Protein backbone atom coordinates (compact mmCIF):
# COMPACT_ATOMS: atom_id res chain seq x y z
CA MET A 1 17.19 122.93 43.73
CA ASP A 2 20.92 123.27 43.07
CA LEU A 3 20.87 126.86 44.29
CA PHE A 4 18.84 125.82 47.34
CA LEU A 5 21.34 123.12 48.29
CA GLN A 6 24.17 125.61 47.79
CA GLN A 7 22.58 127.88 50.39
CA VAL A 8 22.15 124.92 52.73
CA LEU A 9 25.90 124.34 52.48
CA ASN A 10 26.61 128.01 53.16
CA GLY A 11 24.17 127.99 56.09
CA LEU A 12 25.84 124.96 57.65
CA THR A 13 29.23 126.66 57.28
CA LEU A 14 28.12 129.88 58.98
CA GLY A 15 26.04 128.02 61.55
CA GLY A 16 28.97 125.82 62.53
CA ILE A 17 31.27 128.79 63.13
CA TYR A 18 28.64 130.82 64.96
CA SER A 19 27.75 127.85 67.18
CA LEU A 20 31.38 127.25 68.18
CA VAL A 21 31.85 130.89 69.18
CA ALA A 22 28.49 131.01 70.97
CA LEU A 23 29.26 127.79 72.86
CA GLY A 24 32.35 129.32 74.42
CA LEU A 25 30.41 132.44 75.28
CA THR A 26 27.49 130.58 76.84
CA LEU A 27 29.77 128.32 78.91
CA VAL A 28 31.45 131.35 80.48
CA TYR A 29 28.09 133.04 81.04
CA GLY A 30 26.84 129.91 82.78
CA ILE A 31 29.69 130.13 85.31
CA LEU A 32 30.04 133.90 85.81
CA HIS A 33 26.59 135.13 84.71
CA VAL A 34 28.44 137.99 83.03
CA PRO A 35 28.62 138.51 79.23
CA ASN A 36 32.27 138.18 78.23
CA PHE A 37 32.77 140.84 75.55
CA ALA A 38 36.46 139.90 75.38
CA HIS A 39 35.47 136.62 73.71
CA GLY A 40 35.55 138.39 70.35
CA ALA A 41 39.17 139.33 71.03
CA PHE A 42 39.98 135.67 71.78
CA TYR A 43 38.50 134.79 68.37
CA MET A 44 40.66 137.45 66.71
CA ALA A 45 43.76 136.33 68.62
CA GLY A 46 43.19 132.74 67.51
CA ALA A 47 43.16 133.75 63.85
CA PHE A 48 46.26 135.93 64.18
CA ILE A 49 48.28 133.30 66.08
CA SER A 50 47.47 130.65 63.47
CA PHE A 51 48.33 133.10 60.69
CA HIS A 52 51.63 133.96 62.40
CA LEU A 53 52.61 130.33 62.93
CA MET A 54 51.88 129.48 59.29
CA SER A 55 53.41 132.55 57.65
CA LYS A 56 56.50 133.04 59.84
CA TYR A 57 57.39 129.54 61.01
CA GLY A 58 55.94 127.49 58.16
CA ALA A 59 53.72 125.39 60.43
CA ASN A 60 51.11 123.29 58.70
CA TYR A 61 47.45 124.15 59.04
CA TRP A 62 46.56 121.64 61.77
CA LEU A 63 49.69 122.31 63.82
CA ALA A 64 48.98 126.04 63.64
CA MET A 65 45.40 125.41 64.79
CA ALA A 66 46.62 123.34 67.75
CA GLY A 67 49.20 125.96 68.69
CA SER A 68 46.60 128.70 68.45
CA ALA A 69 44.14 126.73 70.60
CA VAL A 70 46.75 126.23 73.34
CA ALA A 71 47.85 129.89 73.23
CA VAL A 72 44.31 131.30 73.35
CA ALA A 73 43.32 128.84 76.10
CA ALA A 74 46.27 130.16 78.14
CA LEU A 75 45.28 133.75 77.33
CA ALA A 76 41.66 133.15 78.37
CA THR A 77 42.75 131.45 81.60
CA LEU A 78 45.07 134.36 82.38
CA ALA A 79 42.20 136.78 81.74
CA GLU A 80 40.02 134.87 84.19
CA ARG A 81 42.69 135.02 86.90
CA LEU A 82 43.77 138.63 86.42
CA VAL A 83 40.56 140.33 85.29
CA PHE A 84 37.40 138.40 86.14
CA HIS A 85 38.39 136.59 89.34
CA PRO A 86 39.21 139.77 91.30
CA LEU A 87 35.81 141.16 90.25
CA ARG A 88 33.78 138.07 91.17
CA HIS A 89 32.04 139.86 94.07
CA ALA A 90 31.54 143.16 92.21
CA SER A 91 28.32 144.22 90.53
CA GLY A 92 27.62 142.95 87.01
CA LEU A 93 28.62 146.25 85.46
CA HIS A 94 32.26 146.06 86.60
CA PRO A 95 33.12 142.73 84.85
CA MET A 96 31.37 143.97 81.70
CA ILE A 97 33.48 147.15 81.62
CA ALA A 98 36.61 145.09 82.33
CA ALA A 99 35.75 142.72 79.45
CA ILE A 100 35.29 145.62 77.04
CA GLY A 101 38.60 147.07 78.20
CA MET A 102 40.31 143.75 77.57
CA LEU A 103 38.74 143.57 74.12
CA LEU A 104 40.17 146.98 73.24
CA PHE A 105 43.55 146.11 74.79
CA LEU A 106 43.93 142.88 72.79
CA GLU A 107 42.85 144.57 69.57
CA ALA A 108 45.40 147.34 70.10
CA GLY A 109 48.05 144.72 70.80
CA ALA A 110 47.22 142.82 67.62
CA GLN A 111 47.36 146.03 65.61
CA ALA A 112 50.76 146.92 67.13
CA ILE A 113 52.18 143.47 66.30
CA TRP A 114 50.60 142.65 62.94
CA GLY A 115 49.39 146.04 61.75
CA ALA A 116 45.93 147.21 60.75
CA ASP A 117 46.04 145.62 57.28
CA PHE A 118 43.88 142.72 56.16
CA HIS A 119 45.68 139.38 55.90
CA ARG A 120 44.78 136.24 53.97
CA MET A 121 45.41 132.91 55.66
CA GLN A 122 46.48 130.10 53.37
CA THR A 123 44.97 126.64 53.55
CA PRO A 124 46.06 123.32 52.01
CA TYR A 125 42.42 122.55 51.28
CA THR A 126 41.84 124.60 48.14
CA GLY A 127 39.99 121.98 46.10
CA ILE A 128 36.38 122.06 45.00
CA ILE A 129 33.99 119.10 44.95
CA ASP A 130 31.03 119.04 42.57
CA PHE A 131 28.23 116.77 43.74
CA ALA A 132 24.68 116.69 42.39
CA GLY A 133 25.13 120.14 40.89
CA VAL A 134 26.37 121.66 44.16
CA THR A 135 29.81 123.28 44.23
CA ALA A 136 31.39 122.56 47.59
CA PRO A 137 34.82 124.04 48.43
CA VAL A 138 36.77 121.54 50.53
CA GLN A 139 37.47 124.21 53.17
CA ARG A 140 33.73 124.70 53.74
CA LEU A 141 33.22 120.95 54.09
CA LEU A 142 36.12 120.92 56.54
CA ILE A 143 34.47 123.69 58.57
CA ILE A 144 31.17 121.80 58.73
CA GLY A 145 32.78 118.48 59.66
CA ALA A 146 35.21 119.90 62.23
CA ALA A 147 32.65 122.22 63.83
CA PHE A 148 30.02 119.54 64.34
CA ALA A 149 32.62 116.98 65.49
CA LEU A 150 33.80 119.49 68.11
CA MET A 151 30.21 120.09 69.25
CA VAL A 152 29.71 116.33 69.72
CA LEU A 153 32.99 116.03 71.66
CA LEU A 154 32.00 118.95 73.89
CA HIS A 155 28.60 117.39 74.55
CA LEU A 156 30.20 114.07 75.50
CA PHE A 157 32.74 115.86 77.69
CA LEU A 158 30.04 117.77 79.59
CA ARG A 159 27.70 114.80 79.98
CA ARG A 160 29.96 111.73 80.26
CA THR A 161 32.99 112.91 82.26
CA VAL A 162 33.35 113.91 85.91
CA THR A 163 35.25 117.06 84.95
CA GLY A 164 32.53 118.12 82.53
CA SER A 165 29.86 117.40 85.13
CA THR A 166 31.54 119.87 87.51
CA ILE A 167 31.11 122.62 84.89
CA VAL A 168 27.42 121.74 84.50
CA ALA A 169 26.95 121.63 88.27
CA MET A 170 28.67 125.00 88.73
CA ALA A 171 26.47 126.55 86.02
CA GLN A 172 23.31 125.19 87.65
CA ASN A 173 24.11 126.17 91.25
CA ARG A 174 27.46 127.73 92.14
CA ASP A 175 26.89 127.71 95.92
CA GLY A 176 25.57 124.16 95.94
CA ALA A 177 28.52 122.94 93.85
CA SER A 178 30.95 124.57 96.27
CA LEU A 179 29.23 122.89 99.23
CA VAL A 180 29.81 119.42 97.76
CA GLY A 181 33.52 120.09 97.29
CA ILE A 182 33.80 121.37 93.73
CA ASP A 183 36.66 123.86 93.36
CA ALA A 184 35.01 126.96 91.86
CA ASN A 185 38.33 128.53 90.87
CA ARG A 186 39.49 125.43 89.01
CA VAL A 187 36.17 125.11 87.17
CA ALA A 188 36.20 128.79 86.18
CA MET A 189 39.75 128.52 84.80
CA MET A 190 38.89 125.34 82.91
CA THR A 191 35.74 126.89 81.45
CA PHE A 192 37.66 129.92 80.19
CA ALA A 193 40.30 127.61 78.69
CA ILE A 194 37.62 125.63 76.82
CA SER A 195 36.02 128.84 75.56
CA GLY A 196 39.44 129.97 74.30
CA VAL A 197 39.98 126.69 72.46
CA LEU A 198 36.55 126.93 70.79
CA ALA A 199 37.20 130.54 69.70
CA ALA A 200 40.66 129.74 68.31
CA VAL A 201 39.48 126.68 66.38
CA ALA A 202 36.49 128.57 64.95
CA ALA A 203 38.70 131.46 63.85
CA THR A 204 41.31 129.17 62.24
CA LEU A 205 38.63 127.23 60.39
CA TYR A 206 36.88 130.33 59.05
CA ALA A 207 39.89 132.60 58.37
CA PRO A 208 40.89 130.98 55.02
CA ILE A 209 37.53 131.95 53.49
CA ASN A 210 37.46 135.28 55.27
CA LEU A 211 40.16 137.81 56.21
CA VAL A 212 42.31 138.24 59.31
CA TYR A 213 42.34 141.76 60.83
CA PRO A 214 42.24 143.29 64.34
CA ALA A 215 38.51 144.12 64.37
CA MET A 216 37.38 140.77 62.94
CA GLY A 217 35.83 139.72 66.26
CA HIS A 218 33.33 142.59 66.49
CA LEU A 219 30.60 141.28 64.24
CA VAL A 220 31.15 137.66 65.27
CA ILE A 221 30.82 138.37 68.99
CA THR A 222 27.76 140.56 68.38
CA LYS A 223 26.06 137.70 66.54
CA ALA A 224 27.20 135.25 69.22
CA PHE A 225 25.35 137.36 71.80
CA VAL A 226 22.28 137.31 69.58
CA ILE A 227 22.58 133.52 69.40
CA ILE A 228 22.84 132.89 73.15
CA ILE A 229 19.95 135.28 73.86
CA LEU A 230 17.95 133.56 71.11
CA GLY A 231 18.72 130.07 72.40
CA GLY A 232 18.48 130.91 76.11
CA MET A 233 21.26 132.43 78.21
CA GLY A 234 23.56 129.67 79.47
CA SER A 235 21.98 126.92 77.36
CA VAL A 236 24.45 124.74 75.41
CA PRO A 237 21.78 123.22 73.09
CA GLY A 238 20.39 126.73 72.63
CA ALA A 239 23.79 127.99 71.44
CA ILE A 240 24.00 125.21 68.84
CA VAL A 241 20.43 125.58 67.58
CA GLY A 242 20.63 129.38 67.66
CA GLY A 243 23.87 129.33 65.68
CA LEU A 244 22.32 127.15 62.99
CA ILE A 245 19.19 129.32 62.83
CA ILE A 246 21.25 132.49 62.34
CA GLY A 247 23.55 130.76 59.84
CA PHE A 248 20.66 129.54 57.68
CA ALA A 249 18.79 132.84 58.00
CA GLU A 250 21.83 134.80 56.79
CA SER A 251 22.58 132.39 53.94
CA PHE A 252 19.04 132.26 52.56
CA GLY A 253 18.36 135.92 53.34
CA ALA A 254 21.46 137.07 51.46
CA PHE A 255 20.52 134.96 48.44
CA TYR A 256 16.77 135.50 48.24
CA ILE A 257 16.59 139.07 49.61
CA SER A 258 19.87 140.97 49.37
CA THR A 259 23.45 140.68 50.62
CA ASP A 260 23.09 144.28 51.86
CA TYR A 261 20.76 143.06 54.61
CA LYS A 262 22.70 139.91 55.53
CA ASP A 263 23.98 141.19 58.87
CA ILE A 264 20.65 142.78 59.82
CA ILE A 265 18.73 139.51 59.44
CA ALA A 266 20.15 138.07 62.68
CA PHE A 267 18.89 141.00 64.74
CA ALA A 268 15.51 141.06 63.02
CA LEU A 269 15.13 137.35 63.74
CA LEU A 270 16.07 137.93 67.39
CA VAL A 271 13.34 140.56 67.81
CA LEU A 272 10.79 138.30 66.08
CA ILE A 273 11.50 135.19 68.16
CA LEU A 274 11.79 137.03 71.49
CA SER A 275 8.41 138.64 70.78
CA PHE A 276 6.88 135.15 71.10
CA ARG A 277 9.39 133.57 73.52
CA PRO A 278 11.04 136.24 75.70
CA GLN A 279 12.97 133.54 77.60
CA GLY A 280 14.59 132.22 74.42
CA LEU A 281 14.09 128.93 72.61
CA PHE A 282 15.46 126.84 75.47
CA ALA A 283 13.80 128.33 78.53
CA LYS A 284 15.71 126.17 81.01
CA GLY A 285 18.99 127.79 80.08
CA ALA A 286 17.54 131.27 80.57
CA HIS A 287 16.85 130.89 84.28
């Protein structure tokens, strides 16, 4: 039972991070209906900016996270204006190629500034809590608490505020939202900014128990795509549930099967679920 609960903790940690990244990705997809491959680069940039603020300027962990969130939000907004907005009337292939190009550009920039080496981000939360036979590092508990708190705040923002409702309306019917006076450009910029904040916070939370390096966004963004396809393209609840499913599947699969197959489990699970529900778990978000 102790080992089982330990894997539950690990699954919640992974699921929280995956859900945050997938939420940003699914929000952008809901507005543009184009998969933003550059989202992985925003995740990487968030980790590097936090690392730079902490190592070079001595900023504390939370201040570095806030600075990283603001910087990546600005970067994502700039990407929307300079890259995606001019291609809004082009075929779906053009924005996808542009997003991949931006991913490669940002990775090359990070490598030029910080090098290709692996970096370790320090955290003030290095303690370990033992409870009922379960060893829980404080950083993992912080990830779980912060990730789920951010999901709740995002849900309240989308459902209880006028600004959030404009994002939902734009995702449901872009032309109809424009007809009732919603500024599509403003909503697109705001959505990209929110996605940047989510990516930066997720990266800063997870970096202390992982490593910071230019290609760190590759596997995360690949799994985020698996999650939003699994949950239903454009579905916010689907991104959260899909992230938790993949997180638990990886945690228990690595422990009970083999760590060698940990990264394959997500894709195997995707094939299995889509065989029974091709539209994803939350069908409404897929249409």
